[in-house]
Amino acid sequence: MNMNSFLQSQDWMDFQKSLGRKVFEVAGAKVIQHDLPLGKNYLYIPYGPELVSHQFAGELRQLAREQGSIFVKAEPMQDDVAQQLVATGFQKSNKNIQPQKTVVIDLTKTEDELLDAMHHKTRYNIRVAEKHGIHVARSMKHEIFWELMQKTSARDKFSSYPKSYYEKLMNYTELWIAYHQETPVAAALVAMHGDQAYYLHGASDHEHRALMAPYALHWEIIKKLQVLGSTLYDLWGIDANKWPGVTRFKLGWGGRTIEYPGAFDLVISKPWKLAYDLTQKLRM
């Protein structure tokens, strides 16, 4: 598996800049500045770095001081990189930003092999959706995704990103929509990076849940990705405690579960970091 995530791609940095964030590069690692109250900020390395050079921590500390950052958060994808970060002064963090576990589908398998690997209920629900005539197409209709996302967030009681976030994200992703006749009933935002694809955000209309549209949606995406030459489809994040339903859905596709080392923090200002950690605890 290629251990270079799209979160370390130039496209993702361009998206971050479109959100008004500063981005930097330190010893090959892409770094994003996240602003905090009182004029403070922290630096964030999403799913990185890939390597830890001798000058890495020193250059990070210098950048952090120049930017007035109170700490640096890194989320490496490999255990040996995590160990190298600890050796340079990083400490294990109790707060991750990206999912620590995910499910990855091997798209080099044949359709029959993919179906065989699925949970029987997933195969059954794909057939149910096909019997209902669910059809799937790529789209540029941002408003459809936003309407479905509003329904999803209201139903599942979570706060979605603002509409402008998704509108900007769609400049760097592909929107897939599942329709029942002419009615959009499910949608997915998929990012592409090399020969890998990532399912970032999904939404559906609960009123049409009996149609099993999300199953037809992802099965069609998988088949189209194979035609395009993609080798992996990352379903992007599972957590049985936080997202039990979503986790069951993703595990049902029979992919490989991957666990990353988690987040590590390099403290630049101890007093401000303590204040930040305290505010985070109060929010929980």
Protein backbone atom coordinates (compact mmCIF):
# COMPACT_ATOMS: atom_id res chain seq x y z
CA MET A 1 0.00 0.00 0.00
CA ASN A 2 1.25 3.47 -0.89
CA MET A 3 1.77 5.25 2.44
CA ASN A 4 1.37 8.71 0.94
CA SER A 5 -2.09 10.08 1.66
CA PHE A 6 -3.94 12.63 -0.46
CA LEU A 7 -3.88 14.76 2.72
CA GLN A 8 -0.21 15.33 1.88
CA SER A 9 -1.00 16.26 -1.74
CA GLN A 10 -0.78 19.69 -3.34
CA ASP A 11 -4.51 19.52 -4.11
CA TRP A 12 -5.28 19.22 -0.40
CA MET A 13 -2.98 22.15 0.36
CA ASP A 14 -4.72 24.22 -2.32
CA PHE A 15 -8.07 23.33 -0.73
CA GLN A 16 -6.75 24.40 2.69
CA LYS A 17 -5.61 27.72 1.21
CA SER A 18 -9.09 28.21 -0.27
CA LEU A 19 -10.39 27.95 3.33
CA GLY A 20 -8.07 30.80 4.31
CA ARG A 21 -5.43 28.70 6.05
CA LYS A 22 -1.67 29.11 5.71
CA VAL A 23 0.27 26.09 4.46
CA PHE A 24 3.98 25.31 4.63
CA GLU A 25 6.43 22.56 3.69
CA VAL A 26 9.04 21.34 6.15
CA ALA A 27 11.55 18.69 5.08
CA GLY A 28 9.05 17.29 2.56
CA ALA A 29 6.05 17.32 4.91
CA LYS A 30 3.01 19.48 4.17
CA VAL A 31 1.98 21.57 7.20
CA ILE A 32 -1.31 23.43 7.77
CA GLN A 33 -1.79 26.28 10.25
CA HIS A 34 -5.01 26.10 12.27
CA ASP A 35 -6.01 29.31 14.01
CA LEU A 36 -7.15 29.36 17.64
CA PRO A 37 -8.76 32.08 19.79
CA LEU A 38 -6.68 34.92 21.24
CA GLY A 39 -4.51 35.13 18.13
CA LYS A 40 -2.91 31.71 18.76
CA ASN A 41 -2.60 28.73 16.40
CA TYR A 42 -1.16 25.27 16.03
CA LEU A 43 0.58 23.57 13.11
CA TYR A 44 -0.82 20.30 11.77
CA ILE A 45 0.73 17.57 9.61
CA PRO A 46 -2.17 15.40 8.35
CA TYR A 47 -1.22 11.75 7.80
CA GLY A 48 2.42 12.67 7.84
CA PRO A 49 5.33 13.02 7.83
CA GLU A 50 6.51 10.13 5.69
CA LEU A 51 10.12 10.51 6.84
CA VAL A 52 11.80 12.19 9.80
CA SER A 53 15.13 13.75 8.81
CA HIS A 54 17.76 15.05 11.26
CA GLN A 55 16.69 18.66 10.75
CA PHE A 56 12.93 17.98 10.79
CA ALA A 57 12.13 18.83 14.43
CA GLY A 58 14.46 21.83 14.42
CA GLU A 59 12.88 23.29 11.29
CA LEU A 60 9.40 22.67 12.72
CA ARG A 61 10.27 24.45 15.98
CA GLN A 62 11.66 27.39 14.04
CA LEU A 63 8.53 27.63 11.88
CA ALA A 64 6.29 27.34 14.96
CA ARG A 65 8.10 30.17 16.73
CA GLU A 66 7.94 32.36 13.61
CA GLN A 67 4.17 31.77 13.35
CA GLY A 68 3.46 32.03 17.08
CA SER A 69 2.22 28.41 17.20
CA ILE A 70 1.72 26.78 20.59
CA PHE A 71 2.25 23.19 19.39
CA VAL A 72 2.67 20.98 16.32
CA LYS A 73 0.39 17.98 15.76
CA ALA A 74 1.50 15.13 13.46
CA GLU A 75 -0.46 12.02 12.49
CA PRO A 76 1.97 9.60 10.84
CA MET A 77 0.74 6.55 8.95
CA GLN A 78 3.65 4.27 9.92
CA ASP A 79 4.78 2.96 13.32
CA ASP A 80 8.49 3.52 12.62
CA VAL A 81 7.84 7.18 11.77
CA ALA A 82 5.87 7.56 15.01
CA GLN A 83 8.85 6.18 16.94
CA GLN A 84 11.16 8.65 15.18
CA LEU A 85 8.85 11.52 16.09
CA VAL A 86 8.94 10.51 19.77
CA ALA A 87 12.75 10.39 19.58
CA THR A 88 12.76 14.02 18.39
CA GLY A 89 10.54 15.32 21.21
CA PHE A 90 6.96 14.57 20.13
CA GLN A 91 4.57 13.13 22.74
CA LYS A 92 1.56 10.85 22.18
CA SER A 93 -1.59 12.93 21.98
CA ASN A 94 -5.02 11.98 23.29
CA LYS A 95 -6.73 13.95 20.50
CA ASN A 96 -6.72 12.71 16.90
CA ILE A 97 -7.99 14.81 14.02
CA GLN A 98 -8.08 12.12 11.31
CA PRO A 99 -9.57 8.65 11.83
CA GLN A 100 -7.12 6.22 13.42
CA LYS A 101 -8.78 3.21 11.75
CA THR A 102 -10.06 2.76 8.24
CA VAL A 103 -11.21 0.09 5.79
CA VAL A 104 -9.48 -0.24 2.42
CA ILE A 105 -10.91 -2.22 -0.52
CA ASP A 106 -8.46 -3.89 -2.92
CA LEU A 107 -9.70 -2.91 -6.37
CA THR A 108 -7.31 -5.27 -8.15
CA LYS A 109 -9.70 -8.11 -7.25
CA THR A 110 -12.33 -9.25 -9.74
CA GLU A 111 -15.99 -8.32 -9.22
CA ASP A 112 -16.72 -11.90 -8.14
CA GLU A 113 -13.86 -11.79 -5.60
CA LEU A 114 -15.12 -8.47 -4.24
CA LEU A 115 -18.66 -9.84 -3.90
CA ASP A 116 -17.38 -13.00 -2.19
CA ALA A 117 -15.48 -10.90 0.37
CA MET A 118 -18.56 -8.87 1.34
CA HIS A 119 -20.87 -9.60 4.25
CA HIS A 120 -23.93 -11.42 2.91
CA LYS A 121 -26.17 -8.52 3.94
CA THR A 122 -24.12 -6.12 1.83
CA ARG A 123 -24.52 -8.36 -1.22
CA TYR A 124 -28.25 -8.67 -0.49
CA ASN A 125 -28.69 -4.90 -0.13
CA ILE A 126 -26.90 -4.28 -3.44
CA ARG A 127 -29.44 -6.58 -5.10
CA VAL A 128 -32.33 -4.81 -3.33
CA ALA A 129 -31.12 -1.44 -4.63
CA GLU A 130 -30.73 -2.82 -8.14
CA LYS A 131 -34.29 -4.23 -8.06
CA HIS A 132 -35.56 -0.77 -7.11
CA GLY A 133 -33.85 0.65 -10.19
CA ILE A 134 -31.31 2.83 -8.35
CA HIS A 135 -28.98 4.41 -10.90
CA VAL A 136 -25.73 6.24 -10.19
CA ALA A 137 -24.00 9.10 -11.99
CA ARG A 138 -21.23 11.60 -11.47
CA SER A 139 -22.54 15.12 -11.03
CA MET A 140 -21.58 18.77 -10.62
CA LYS A 141 -24.86 19.60 -8.84
CA HIS A 142 -23.47 20.83 -5.51
CA GLU A 143 -26.88 21.84 -4.23
CA ILE A 144 -28.10 18.22 -4.29
CA PHE A 145 -25.26 17.12 -1.99
CA TRP A 146 -25.94 20.00 0.40
CA GLU A 147 -29.66 19.19 0.62
CA LEU A 148 -28.91 15.53 1.34
CA MET A 149 -26.23 16.49 3.89
CA GLN A 150 -28.69 18.71 5.77
CA LYS A 151 -31.12 15.79 5.98
CA THR A 152 -28.36 13.45 7.15
CA SER A 153 -26.98 15.78 9.83
CA ALA A 154 -30.49 16.48 11.18
CA ARG A 155 -31.29 12.76 11.30
CA ASP A 156 -28.00 11.63 12.87
CA LYS A 157 -27.69 14.70 15.12
CA PHE A 158 -24.23 15.90 14.09
CA SER A 159 -22.94 19.27 12.93
CA SER A 160 -21.90 19.28 9.30
CA TYR A 161 -19.38 21.65 7.80
CA PRO A 162 -20.86 24.88 6.41
CA LYS A 163 -22.14 24.85 2.84
CA SER A 164 -19.14 26.87 1.61
CA TYR A 165 -16.76 24.13 2.85
CA TYR A 166 -18.38 21.48 0.66
CA GLU A 167 -18.59 23.85 -2.30
CA LYS A 168 -14.85 24.45 -2.12
CA LEU A 169 -14.10 20.78 -1.48
CA MET A 170 -15.99 19.82 -4.63
CA ASN A 171 -13.30 21.61 -6.67
CA TYR A 172 -10.91 18.84 -5.57
CA THR A 173 -13.23 15.81 -5.41
CA GLU A 174 -15.81 13.95 -7.48
CA LEU A 175 -19.49 13.96 -6.57
CA TRP A 176 -21.45 10.74 -7.15
CA ILE A 177 -25.23 10.69 -6.77
CA ALA A 178 -27.66 7.76 -6.57
CA TYR A 179 -31.13 8.40 -8.01
CA HIS A 180 -34.46 6.64 -7.69
CA GLN A 181 -36.18 7.59 -10.93
CA GLU A 182 -35.37 11.35 -10.94
CA THR A 183 -35.07 11.78 -7.17
CA PRO A 184 -31.55 12.00 -5.63
CA VAL A 185 -31.49 9.70 -2.60
CA ALA A 186 -27.79 9.28 -1.72
CA ALA A 187 -24.48 10.96 -2.55
CA ALA A 188 -20.74 10.56 -1.96
CA LEU A 189 -17.73 12.84 -2.29
CA VAL A 190 -14.67 10.89 -3.46
CA ALA A 191 -11.11 12.23 -3.64
CA MET A 192 -8.55 10.83 -6.08
CA HIS A 193 -4.80 10.67 -5.46
CA GLY A 194 -2.67 8.65 -7.82
CA ASP A 195 -4.21 5.18 -8.11
CA GLN A 196 -6.08 5.53 -4.82
CA ALA A 197 -9.58 6.82 -4.10
CA TYR A 198 -11.01 8.08 -0.79
CA TYR A 199 -14.64 8.23 0.31
CA LEU A 200 -14.64 11.49 2.29
CA HIS A 201 -18.28 12.42 2.87
CA GLY A 202 -21.61 10.78 2.31
CA ALA A 203 -25.26 11.74 2.67
CA SER A 204 -28.63 10.09 2.11
CA ASP A 205 -32.36 10.64 2.40
CA HIS A 206 -33.71 8.58 5.30
CA GLU A 207 -37.22 8.65 3.84
CA HIS A 208 -35.93 6.39 1.05
CA ARG A 209 -33.85 4.10 3.26
CA ALA A 210 -35.75 0.98 2.13
CA LEU A 211 -34.26 1.45 -1.36
CA MET A 212 -30.73 0.68 -0.03
CA ALA A 213 -29.34 3.36 -2.34
CA PRO A 214 -25.94 3.77 -0.56
CA TYR A 215 -25.14 0.14 -1.46
CA ALA A 216 -25.80 0.67 -5.16
CA LEU A 217 -23.91 3.97 -4.95
CA HIS A 218 -20.68 2.48 -3.62
CA TRP A 219 -20.86 -0.66 -5.72
CA GLU A 220 -21.10 1.50 -8.83
CA ILE A 221 -18.25 3.72 -7.60
CA ILE A 222 -16.09 0.64 -7.02
CA LYS A 223 -16.75 -0.69 -10.53
CA LYS A 224 -16.08 2.70 -12.14
CA LEU A 225 -12.84 3.10 -10.15
CA GLN A 226 -11.67 -0.27 -11.45
CA VAL A 227 -12.25 0.90 -15.02
CA LEU A 228 -10.25 4.05 -14.26
CA GLY A 229 -7.32 1.94 -13.02
CA SER A 230 -7.61 2.69 -9.30
CA THR A 231 -6.14 -0.02 -7.07
CA LEU A 232 -7.49 0.98 -3.64
CA TYR A 233 -10.73 2.48 -2.31
CA ASP A 234 -10.33 3.88 1.20
CA LEU A 235 -13.70 4.09 2.97
CA TRP A 236 -12.19 6.66 5.33
CA GLY A 237 -12.65 6.09 8.99
CA ILE A 238 -14.35 3.59 11.26
CA ASP A 239 -15.06 3.77 14.99
CA ALA A 240 -17.55 1.33 16.49
CA ASN A 241 -18.15 3.59 19.52
CA LYS A 242 -18.53 6.94 17.75
CA TRP A 243 -20.15 5.80 14.50
CA PRO A 244 -21.61 2.28 14.98
CA GLY A 245 -23.95 2.34 11.96
CA VAL A 246 -21.41 3.83 9.57
CA THR A 247 -18.76 1.40 10.83
CA ARG A 248 -21.02 -1.62 10.21
CA PHE A 249 -21.75 -0.33 6.71
CA LYS A 250 -18.06 0.08 5.86
CA LEU A 251 -16.96 -3.23 7.39
CA GLY A 252 -19.64 -5.00 5.34
CA TRP A 253 -17.67 -4.41 2.12
CA GLY A 254 -15.02 -6.91 3.16
CA GLY A 255 -12.03 -4.62 2.92
CA ARG A 256 -8.86 -4.70 4.99
CA THR A 257 -8.91 -2.83 8.32
CA ILE A 258 -5.88 -0.59 8.85
CA GLU A 259 -4.93 1.11 12.12
CA TYR A 260 -2.56 4.08 12.20
CA PRO A 261 -0.37 5.11 15.16
CA GLY A 262 -2.52 8.14 16.03
CA ALA A 263 -1.56 11.73 16.83
CA PHE A 264 1.65 13.11 18.35
CA ASP A 265 2.23 16.64 19.64
CA LEU A 266 5.41 18.70 19.77
CA VAL A 267 4.86 21.31 22.48
CA ILE A 268 6.26 24.77 21.75
CA SER A 269 4.61 26.76 24.57
CA LYS A 270 3.77 24.69 27.66
CA PRO A 271 1.46 27.27 29.33
CA TRP A 272 -0.61 27.82 26.19
CA LYS A 273 -0.72 24.06 25.45
CA LEU A 274 -2.05 23.41 28.97
CA ALA A 275 -4.70 26.08 28.44
CA TYR A 276 -5.64 24.53 25.09
CA ASP A 277 -5.91 21.01 26.58
CA LEU A 278 -8.10 22.34 29.39
CA THR A 279 -10.54 24.01 26.98
CA GLN A 280 -10.72 20.79 24.96
CA LYS A 281 -11.62 18.79 28.10
CA LEU A 282 -14.33 21.31 29.01
CA ARG A 283 -15.90 20.87 25.59
CA MET A 284 -16.17 17.08 25.94
